[in-house]
C-alpha cells in the first residue's frame, strides 16, 4: 500500500497537513521521555507517531500546499520538527536533571571509578544516575506527564498552525532558559546525598586526627559508598515530591515554549 492509499484508508484527504503534523510529532518523539529511549523498538515508535499524527490531523485547519522549492519545503518541515523537539525537551529536561543528580552523587561516592576500570564502553555502566533516571521516569508516567506533552502538542496545532512554525523560530530563548534548569534540578535532587557525604567526610577527618594509627584512606571508600546508598534510599520520597513539582510546572513550560514559537501576526 502506497502513502496515498494509507491516507485514504484512515480518512485523511489533506496530505500536506498530515506531513506537517507528522514532522511535529516526530520532533516530539525524538526528545520526549519514554519515546526517546533507545531500548524502545523503532517500529513501535514510528507506528505510534503515525497513529498520533492521523488522530490530530482532523482537528487541524486546512493548510496551504508545501512549497515547490525543495529548500523551502525542507525549512518548513525542519521548523515543524524543531517545534516538536522544543515541546518534548520540556519533559526531557526533567529526566535529564535526575541523571545529572545521579552522576554528581556517583562521583562523590566513588562509584564513577567503575567507568574508569570497567570493561564496558563509556557511559554504559549502571549507576546511581540510571537509577534516578528510571525512578523519575516512573513518577513522571504515574502523574501523566506524558499526557501533558500530548496536550501541549495539540495546543500547539491551534496556536501555531502547521506550516507557520518557521515564522516563530525565536523560541530558542525560552528553551535555553528551561535548559538551564537541568543543573538546578540536579543539584536539588543530589542535595541529600551530598550533605550526608559531607558530614561523613568531616567525621572521617576528625577520626583520622583523633586516631592517627587508623588508615582513613582505606576506610573512607566503603564508608562513603554505604552512607551514599543509604542516603539515596532515604531520599526517594524527597525525589518523588521533587519530580511531582516539576511535572506540575510542566504545562507552564510547554505553554511558554508554544507562545515563543507563535508568529507575531497571530494572537499569543
C-alpha atoms as a PDB file:
ATOM      1  CA  UNK A   1       0.000   0.000   0.000  1.00  0.00           C
ATOM      2  CA  UNK A   2       1.407   3.394  -1.012  1.00  0.00           C
ATOM      3  CA  UNK A   3       1.190   6.592   1.034  1.00  0.00           C
ATOM      4  CA  UNK A   4      -1.910   7.836  -0.816  1.00  0.00           C
ATOM      5  CA  UNK A   5      -3.721   4.561  -0.120  1.00  0.00           C
ATOM      6  CA  UNK A   6      -2.835   4.778   3.571  1.00  0.00           C
ATOM      7  CA  UNK A   7      -4.165   8.344   3.823  1.00  0.00           C
ATOM      8  CA  UNK A   8      -7.418   7.297   2.156  1.00  0.00           C
ATOM      9  CA  UNK A   9      -7.669   4.294   4.465  1.00  0.00           C
ATOM     10  CA  UNK A  10      -7.518   6.445   7.601  1.00  0.00           C
ATOM     11  CA  UNK A  11      -9.814   9.077   6.097  1.00  0.00           C
ATOM     12  CA  UNK A  12      -7.198  11.804   5.566  1.00  0.00           C
ATOM     13  CA  UNK A  13      -7.612  13.922   2.448  1.00  0.00           C
ATOM     14  CA  UNK A  14      -5.292  16.811   3.339  1.00  0.00           C
ATOM     15  CA  UNK A  15      -1.912  15.150   2.897  1.00  0.00           C
ATOM     16  CA  UNK A  16       0.161  18.374   3.357  1.00  0.00           C
ATOM     17  CA  UNK A  17      -1.376  18.751   6.815  1.00  0.00           C
ATOM     18  CA  UNK A  18      -0.552  15.118   7.605  1.00  0.00           C
ATOM     19  CA  UNK A  19       3.079  15.610   6.548  1.00  0.00           C
ATOM     20  CA  UNK A  20       3.480  18.780   8.618  1.00  0.00           C
ATOM     21  CA  UNK A  21       1.789  17.292  11.680  1.00  0.00           C
ATOM     22  CA  UNK A  22       3.906  14.150  11.336  1.00  0.00           C
ATOM     23  CA  UNK A  23       7.056  16.286  11.334  1.00  0.00           C
ATOM     24  CA  UNK A  24       5.967  17.976  14.559  1.00  0.00           C
ATOM     25  CA  UNK A  25       5.049  14.657  16.187  1.00  0.00           C
ATOM     26  CA  UNK A  26       8.377  13.155  15.100  1.00  0.00           C
ATOM     27  CA  UNK A  27      10.208  16.021  16.789  1.00  0.00           C
ATOM     28  CA  UNK A  28       8.256  15.400  19.980  1.00  0.00           C
ATOM     29  CA  UNK A  29       9.084  11.695  19.934  1.00  0.00           C
ATOM     30  CA  UNK A  30      12.769  12.442  19.400  1.00  0.00           C
ATOM     31  CA  UNK A  31      13.020  14.145  22.806  1.00  0.00           C
ATOM     32  CA  UNK A  32      10.008  13.130  24.911  1.00  0.00           C
ATOM     33  CA  UNK A  33      10.693  10.807  27.858  1.00  0.00           C
ATOM     34  CA  UNK A  34       9.997   7.127  27.171  1.00  0.00           C
ATOM     35  CA  UNK A  35       9.598   7.617  23.399  1.00  0.00           C
ATOM     36  CA  UNK A  36      13.187   8.802  23.041  1.00  0.00           C
ATOM     37  CA  UNK A  37      14.524   5.769  24.923  1.00  0.00           C
ATOM     38  CA  UNK A  38      16.826   3.745  22.682  1.00  0.00           C
ATOM     39  CA  UNK A  39      15.535   0.492  24.174  1.00  0.00           C
ATOM     40  CA  UNK A  40      12.109   1.065  22.631  1.00  0.00           C
ATOM     41  CA  UNK A  41      11.901  -0.604  19.182  1.00  0.00           C
ATOM     42  CA  UNK A  42      11.863   1.832  16.285  1.00  0.00           C
ATOM     43  CA  UNK A  43       8.846   0.252  14.631  1.00  0.00           C
ATOM     44  CA  UNK A  44       6.787   0.860  17.777  1.00  0.00           C
ATOM     45  CA  UNK A  45       7.886   4.485  17.949  1.00  0.00           C
ATOM     46  CA  UNK A  46       7.233   5.015  14.247  1.00  0.00           C
ATOM     47  CA  UNK A  47       3.812   3.362  14.418  1.00  0.00           C
ATOM     48  CA  UNK A  48       2.799   5.409  17.455  1.00  0.00           C
ATOM     49  CA  UNK A  49       3.918   8.615  15.725  1.00  0.00           C
ATOM     50  CA  UNK A  50       1.861   7.798  12.619  1.00  0.00           C
ATOM     51  CA  UNK A  51      -1.232   6.938  14.681  1.00  0.00           C
ATOM     52  CA  UNK A  52      -0.940  10.112  16.759  1.00  0.00           C
ATOM     53  CA  UNK A  53      -0.456  12.215  13.619  1.00  0.00           C
ATOM     54  CA  UNK A  54      -3.501  10.662  11.954  1.00  0.00           C
ATOM     55  CA  UNK A  55      -5.567  11.372  15.085  1.00  0.00           C
ATOM     56  CA  UNK A  56      -4.524  15.037  15.185  1.00  0.00           C
ATOM     57  CA  UNK A  57      -4.950  15.888  11.500  1.00  0.00           C
ATOM     58  CA  UNK A  58      -8.800  16.133  11.572  1.00  0.00           C
ATOM     59  CA  UNK A  59      -8.535  18.886  14.203  1.00  0.00           C
ATOM     60  CA  UNK A  60      -6.183  20.940  12.020  1.00  0.00           C
ATOM     61  CA  UNK A  61      -7.468  23.668   9.734  1.00  0.00           C
ATOM     62  CA  UNK A  62      -6.652  23.126   6.034  1.00  0.00           C
ATOM     63  CA  UNK A  63      -3.126  24.245   5.217  1.00  0.00           C
ATOM     64  CA  UNK A  64      -1.563  25.536   2.044  1.00  0.00           C
ATOM     65  CA  UNK A  65       0.379  23.075  -0.107  1.00  0.00           C
ATOM     66  CA  UNK A  66       4.065  22.719   0.584  1.00  0.00           C
ATOM     67  CA  UNK A  67       6.347  24.966  -1.484  1.00  0.00           C
ATOM     68  CA  UNK A  68       7.571  23.508  -4.751  1.00  0.00           C
ATOM     69  CA  UNK A  69      11.121  24.529  -3.922  1.00  0.00           C
ATOM     70  CA  UNK A  70      12.964  21.729  -2.123  1.00  0.00           C
ATOM     71  CA  UNK A  71      14.886  24.126   0.114  1.00  0.00           C
ATOM     72  CA  UNK A  72      11.749  25.998   1.177  1.00  0.00           C
ATOM     73  CA  UNK A  73       9.917  22.737   1.904  1.00  0.00           C
ATOM     74  CA  UNK A  74      12.868  21.494   3.957  1.00  0.00           C
ATOM     75  CA  UNK A  75      12.880  24.699   6.008  1.00  0.00           C
ATOM     76  CA  UNK A  76       9.153  24.415   6.709  1.00  0.00           C
ATOM     77  CA  UNK A  77       9.425  20.757   7.746  1.00  0.00           C
ATOM     78  CA  UNK A  78      12.536  21.493   9.800  1.00  0.00           C
ATOM     79  CA  UNK A  79      10.741  24.263  11.686  1.00  0.00           C
ATOM     80  CA  UNK A  80       7.835  21.923  12.452  1.00  0.00           C
ATOM     81  CA  UNK A  81      10.251  19.291  13.722  1.00  0.00           C
ATOM     82  CA  UNK A  82      12.067  21.885  15.819  1.00  0.00           C
ATOM     83  CA  UNK A  83       8.818  22.937  17.478  1.00  0.00           C
ATOM     84  CA  UNK A  84       8.081  19.316  18.356  1.00  0.00           C
ATOM     85  CA  UNK A  85      11.607  18.922  19.735  1.00  0.00           C
ATOM     86  CA  UNK A  86      11.157  22.037  21.883  1.00  0.00           C
ATOM     87  CA  UNK A  87       7.917  20.681  23.363  1.00  0.00           C
ATOM     88  CA  UNK A  88       9.471  17.283  24.037  1.00  0.00           C
ATOM     89  CA  UNK A  89      12.534  18.939  25.522  1.00  0.00           C
ATOM     90  CA  UNK A  90      10.381  20.472  28.251  1.00  0.00           C
ATOM     91  CA  UNK A  91       9.732  16.968  29.586  1.00  0.00           C
ATOM     92  CA  UNK A  92      13.130  15.512  28.744  1.00  0.00           C
ATOM     93  CA  UNK A  93      14.961  18.112  30.843  1.00  0.00           C
ATOM     94  CA  UNK A  94      13.169  16.833  33.941  1.00  0.00           C
ATOM     95  CA  UNK A  95      14.616  13.356  33.440  1.00  0.00           C
ATOM     96  CA  UNK A  96      17.995  14.797  32.472  1.00  0.00           C
ATOM     97  CA  UNK A  97      18.125  16.683  35.766  1.00  0.00           C
ATOM     98  CA  UNK A  98      17.771  13.410  37.661  1.00  0.00           C
ATOM     99  CA  UNK A  99      20.578  11.912  35.591  1.00  0.00           C
ATOM    100  CA  UNK A 100      22.822  14.850  36.451  1.00  0.00           C
ATOM    101  CA  UNK A 101      21.956  14.390  40.126  1.00  0.00           C
ATOM    102  CA  UNK A 102      22.903  10.724  39.955  1.00  0.00           C
ATOM    103  CA  UNK A 103      26.192  11.467  38.238  1.00  0.00           C
ATOM    104  CA  UNK A 104      27.077  14.059  40.880  1.00  0.00           C
ATOM    105  CA  UNK A 105      26.249  11.599  43.655  1.00  0.00           C
ATOM    106  CA  UNK A 106      28.170   8.776  41.951  1.00  0.00           C
ATOM    107  CA  UNK A 107      31.226  10.997  41.655  1.00  0.00           C
ATOM    108  CA  UNK A 108      31.142  11.875  45.350  1.00  0.00           C
ATOM    109  CA  UNK A 109      30.547   8.257  46.372  1.00  0.00           C
ATOM    110  CA  UNK A 110      33.403   6.946  44.251  1.00  0.00           C
ATOM    111  CA  UNK A 111      31.170   4.847  42.009  1.00  0.00           C
ATOM    112  CA  UNK A 112      32.466   6.693  38.958  1.00  0.00           C
ATOM    113  CA  UNK A 113      35.667   4.654  39.291  1.00  0.00           C
ATOM    114  CA  UNK A 114      33.737   1.732  37.820  1.00  0.00           C
ATOM    115  CA  UNK A 115      33.595   3.517  34.475  1.00  0.00           C
ATOM    116  CA  UNK A 116      37.356   4.041  34.527  1.00  0.00           C
ATOM    117  CA  UNK A 117      38.289   0.449  35.372  1.00  0.00           C
ATOM    118  CA  UNK A 118      35.272  -1.413  33.968  1.00  0.00           C
ATOM    119  CA  UNK A 119      35.398  -3.359  30.706  1.00  0.00           C
ATOM    120  CA  UNK A 120      32.142  -1.867  29.384  1.00  0.00           C
ATOM    121  CA  UNK A 121      32.149   1.061  26.936  1.00  0.00           C
ATOM    122  CA  UNK A 122      31.986   4.555  28.358  1.00  0.00           C
ATOM    123  CA  UNK A 123      28.537   5.577  29.552  1.00  0.00           C
ATOM    124  CA  UNK A 124      27.130   2.048  29.802  1.00  0.00           C
ATOM    125  CA  UNK A 125      27.962   1.284  33.435  1.00  0.00           C
ATOM    126  CA  UNK A 126      24.850   1.122  35.582  1.00  0.00           C
ATOM    127  CA  UNK A 127      24.994   3.637  38.441  1.00  0.00           C
ATOM    128  CA  UNK A 128      23.002   5.972  40.632  1.00  0.00           C
ATOM    129  CA  UNK A 129      22.357   8.174  37.598  1.00  0.00           C
ATOM    130  CA  UNK A 130      20.393   5.499  35.780  1.00  0.00           C
ATOM    131  CA  UNK A 131      18.545   4.506  38.950  1.00  0.00           C
ATOM    132  CA  UNK A 132      17.385   8.079  39.464  1.00  0.00           C
ATOM    133  CA  UNK A 133      16.591   8.335  35.766  1.00  0.00           C
ATOM    134  CA  UNK A 134      14.237   5.352  35.832  1.00  0.00           C
ATOM    135  CA  UNK A 135      12.731   6.404  39.159  1.00  0.00           C
ATOM    136  CA  UNK A 136      11.951   9.868  37.785  1.00  0.00           C
ATOM    137  CA  UNK A 137      10.507   8.305  34.630  1.00  0.00           C
ATOM    138  CA  UNK A 138       8.152   6.118  36.674  1.00  0.00           C
ATOM    139  CA  UNK A 139       6.953   9.095  38.716  1.00  0.00           C
ATOM    140  CA  UNK A 140       6.602  11.134  35.516  1.00  0.00           C
ATOM    141  CA  UNK A 141       4.415   8.477  33.898  1.00  0.00           C
ATOM    142  CA  UNK A 142       2.354   7.860  37.042  1.00  0.00           C
ATOM    143  CA  UNK A 143       1.493  11.579  37.198  1.00  0.00           C
ATOM    144  CA  UNK A 144       0.504  11.611  33.498  1.00  0.00           C
ATOM    145  CA  UNK A 145       3.378  13.835  32.485  1.00  0.00           C
ATOM    146  CA  UNK A 146       3.334  12.248  29.036  1.00  0.00           C
ATOM    147  CA  UNK A 147      -0.285  13.340  28.597  1.00  0.00           C
ATOM    148  CA  UNK A 148       0.777  16.915  29.327  1.00  0.00           C
ATOM    149  CA  UNK A 149       3.109  16.775  26.327  1.00  0.00           C
ATOM    150  CA  UNK A 150       0.353  15.364  24.118  1.00  0.00           C
ATOM    151  CA  UNK A 151      -1.998  18.139  25.228  1.00  0.00           C
ATOM    152  CA  UNK A 152       0.741  20.668  24.565  1.00  0.00           C
ATOM    153  CA  UNK A 153       1.254  19.230  21.097  1.00  0.00           C
ATOM    154  CA  UNK A 154      -2.466  19.542  20.341  1.00  0.00           C
ATOM    155  CA  UNK A 155      -2.488  23.098  21.710  1.00  0.00           C
ATOM    156  CA  UNK A 156       0.483  23.991  19.516  1.00  0.00           C
ATOM    157  CA  UNK A 157      -1.500  22.995  16.430  1.00  0.00           C
ATOM    158  CA  UNK A 158      -4.099  25.611  17.370  1.00  0.00           C
ATOM    159  CA  UNK A 159      -1.640  28.323  18.406  1.00  0.00           C
ATOM    160  CA  UNK A 160       0.868  27.653  15.621  1.00  0.00           C
ATOM    161  CA  UNK A 161      -0.944  26.133  12.630  1.00  0.00           C
ATOM    162  CA  UNK A 162       1.070  23.639  10.575  1.00  0.00           C
ATOM    163  CA  UNK A 163       3.394  25.485   8.234  1.00  0.00           C
ATOM    164  CA  UNK A 164       3.631  28.587  10.462  1.00  0.00           C
ATOM    165  CA  UNK A 165       6.377  27.424  12.836  1.00  0.00           C
ATOM    166  CA  UNK A 166       9.082  28.889  10.594  1.00  0.00           C
ATOM    167  CA  UNK A 167       7.849  32.398  11.423  1.00  0.00           C
ATOM    168  CA  UNK A 168       8.388  31.872  15.156  1.00  0.00           C
ATOM    169  CA  UNK A 169      11.887  30.435  15.405  1.00  0.00           C
ATOM    170  CA  UNK A 170      12.739  32.988  18.101  1.00  0.00           C
ATOM    171  CA  UNK A 171      11.519  30.337  20.548  1.00  0.00           C
ATOM    172  CA  UNK A 172      15.073  29.223  21.189  1.00  0.00           C
ATOM    173  CA  UNK A 173      15.418  31.710  24.053  1.00  0.00           C
ATOM    174  CA  UNK A 174      12.792  30.139  26.375  1.00  0.00           C
ATOM    175  CA  UNK A 175      14.104  26.689  25.501  1.00  0.00           C
ATOM    176  CA  UNK A 176      17.601  27.786  26.519  1.00  0.00           C
ATOM    177  CA  UNK A 177      16.204  29.181  29.770  1.00  0.00           C
ATOM    178  CA  UNK A 178      14.435  25.911  30.525  1.00  0.00           C
ATOM    179  CA  UNK A 179      17.639  24.021  29.683  1.00  0.00           C
ATOM    180  CA  UNK A 180      19.395  25.862  32.491  1.00  0.00           C
ATOM    181  CA  UNK A 181      17.035  24.190  34.950  1.00  0.00           C
ATOM    182  CA  UNK A 182      18.831  20.857  34.405  1.00  0.00           C
ATOM    183  CA  UNK A 183      21.620  21.837  36.766  1.00  0.00           C
ATOM    184  CA  UNK A 184      19.387  23.441  39.390  1.00  0.00           C
ATOM    185  CA  UNK A 185      17.152  20.356  39.429  1.00  0.00           C
ATOM    186  CA  UNK A 186      20.189  18.082  39.534  1.00  0.00           C
ATOM    187  CA  UNK A 187      21.746  19.896  42.491  1.00  0.00           C
ATOM    188  CA  UNK A 188      18.457  19.860  44.420  1.00  0.00           C
ATOM    189  CA  UNK A 189      17.977  16.154  43.749  1.00  0.00           C
ATOM    190  CA  UNK A 190      21.536  15.324  44.796  1.00  0.00           C
ATOM    191  CA  UNK A 191      21.487  17.581  47.880  1.00  0.00           C
ATOM    192  CA  UNK A 192      20.515  14.889  50.465  1.00  0.00           C
ATOM    193  CA  UNK A 193      23.324  12.583  49.352  1.00  0.00           C
ATOM    194  CA  UNK A 194      25.836  15.436  49.146  1.00  0.00           C
ATOM    195  CA  UNK A 195      25.007  16.620  52.663  1.00  0.00           C
ATOM    196  CA  UNK A 196      25.278  13.080  54.055  1.00  0.00           C
ATOM    197  CA  UNK A 197      28.630  12.538  52.347  1.00  0.00           C
ATOM    198  CA  UNK A 198      29.919  15.916  53.534  1.00  0.00           C
ATOM    199  CA  UNK A 199      29.125  15.039  57.143  1.00  0.00           C
ATOM    200  CA  UNK A 200      30.668  11.586  56.657  1.00  0.00           C
ATOM    201  CA  UNK A 201      33.908  13.010  55.274  1.00  0.00           C
ATOM    202  CA  UNK A 202      34.012  15.529  58.114  1.00  0.00           C
ATOM    203  CA  UNK A 203      33.594  12.731  60.655  1.00  0.00           C
ATOM    204  CA  UNK A 204      36.331  10.679  58.972  1.00  0.00           C
ATOM    205  CA  UNK A 205      38.665  13.665  59.026  1.00  0.00           C
ATOM    206  CA  UNK A 206      38.078  14.175  62.745  1.00  0.00           C
ATOM    207  CA  UNK A 207      38.530  10.439  63.342  1.00  0.00           C
ATOM    208  CA  UNK A 208      41.799  10.490  61.416  1.00  0.00           C
ATOM    209  CA  UNK A 209      43.113  13.293  63.606  1.00  0.00           C
ATOM    210  CA  UNK A 210      41.945  11.605  66.800  1.00  0.00           C
ATOM    211  CA  UNK A 211      43.344   8.171  65.877  1.00  0.00           C
ATOM    212  CA  UNK A 212      46.462   8.649  63.711  1.00  0.00           C
ATOM    213  CA  UNK A 213      47.044   4.883  63.530  1.00  0.00           C
ATOM    214  CA  UNK A 214      43.760   4.444  61.651  1.00  0.00           C
ATOM    215  CA  UNK A 215      44.076   4.190  57.861  1.00  0.00           C
ATOM    216  CA  UNK A 216      41.358   6.661  56.923  1.00  0.00           C
ATOM    217  CA  UNK A 217      42.020   6.343  53.196  1.00  0.00           C
ATOM    218  CA  UNK A 218      41.204   2.630  53.221  1.00  0.00           C
ATOM    219  CA  UNK A 219      38.191   3.184  55.444  1.00  0.00           C
ATOM    220  CA  UNK A 220      36.694   6.121  53.569  1.00  0.00           C
ATOM    221  CA  UNK A 221      35.772   4.278  50.366  1.00  0.00           C
ATOM    222  CA  UNK A 222      33.417   1.619  51.840  1.00  0.00           C
ATOM    223  CA  UNK A 223      32.019   4.077  54.386  1.00  0.00           C
ATOM    224  CA  UNK A 224      31.187   6.801  51.859  1.00  0.00           C
ATOM    225  CA  UNK A 225      29.684   4.263  49.476  1.00  0.00           C
ATOM    226  CA  UNK A 226      27.497   2.743  52.197  1.00  0.00           C
ATOM    227  CA  UNK A 227      26.380   6.127  53.509  1.00  0.00           C
ATOM    228  CA  UNK A 228      25.657   7.307  49.967  1.00  0.00           C
ATOM    229  CA  UNK A 229      23.485   4.288  49.198  1.00  0.00           C
ATOM    230  CA  UNK A 230      21.598   4.658  52.476  1.00  0.00           C
ATOM    231  CA  UNK A 231      21.077   8.359  51.796  1.00  0.00           C
ATOM    232  CA  UNK A 232      19.851   7.529  48.302  1.00  0.00           C
ATOM    233  CA  UNK A 233      17.249   5.126  49.668  1.00  0.00           C
ATOM    234  CA  UNK A 234      16.159   7.581  52.347  1.00  0.00           C
ATOM    235  CA  UNK A 235      15.850  10.427  49.821  1.00  0.00           C
ATOM    236  CA  UNK A 236      13.448   8.619  47.468  1.00  0.00           C
ATOM    237  CA  UNK A 237      10.330  10.299  48.969  1.00  0.00           C
ATOM    238  CA  UNK A 238      12.040  13.669  48.541  1.00  0.00           C
ATOM    239  CA  UNK A 239      12.887  12.825  44.930  1.00  0.00           C
ATOM    240  CA  UNK A 240       9.289  11.803  44.273  1.00  0.00           C
ATOM    241  CA  UNK A 241       7.991  15.136  45.587  1.00  0.00           C
ATOM    242  CA  UNK A 242      10.629  16.990  43.566  1.00  0.00           C
ATOM    243  CA  UNK A 243       9.645  15.231  40.347  1.00  0.00           C
ATOM    244  CA  UNK A 244       5.963  15.803  41.145  1.00  0.00           C
ATOM    245  CA  UNK A 245       6.613  19.524  41.481  1.00  0.00           C
ATOM    246  CA  UNK A 246       8.423  19.573  38.146  1.00  0.00           C
ATOM    247  CA  UNK A 247       5.548  17.719  36.477  1.00  0.00           C
ATOM    248  CA  UNK A 248       3.077  20.249  37.896  1.00  0.00           C
ATOM    249  CA  UNK A 249       5.167  23.042  36.345  1.00  0.00           C
ATOM    250  CA  UNK A 250       5.391  21.213  33.012  1.00  0.00           C
ATOM    251  CA  UNK A 251       2.210  22.736  31.474  1.00  0.00           C
ATOM    252  CA  UNK A 252       3.589  26.220  32.163  1.00  0.00           C
ATOM    253  CA  UNK A 253       6.886  25.396  30.461  1.00  0.00           C
ATOM    254  CA  UNK A 254       5.159  23.874  27.462  1.00  0.00           C
ATOM    255  CA  UNK A 255       2.907  26.918  27.207  1.00  0.00           C
ATOM    256  CA  UNK A 256       5.894  29.278  27.269  1.00  0.00           C
ATOM    257  CA  UNK A 257       7.551  27.294  24.502  1.00  0.00           C
ATOM    258  CA  UNK A 258       4.424  27.389  22.333  1.00  0.00           C
ATOM    259  CA  UNK A 259       3.972  31.131  22.864  1.00  0.00           C
ATOM    260  CA  UNK A 260       7.582  31.718  21.881  1.00  0.00           C
ATOM    261  CA  UNK A 261       7.021  29.915  18.579  1.00  0.00           C
ATOM    262  CA  UNK A 262       3.742  31.712  17.864  1.00  0.00           C
ATOM    263  CA  UNK A 263       4.218  34.055  14.878  1.00  0.00           C
ATOM    264  CA  UNK A 264       3.917  37.745  15.703  1.00  0.00           C
ATOM    265  CA  UNK A 265       0.983  38.106  13.320  1.00  0.00           C
ATOM    266  CA  UNK A 266      -1.055  35.577  15.308  1.00  0.00           C
ATOM    267  CA  UNK A 267      -2.555  36.195  18.782  1.00  0.00           C
ATOM    268  CA  UNK A 268      -0.438  34.774  21.583  1.00  0.00           C
END
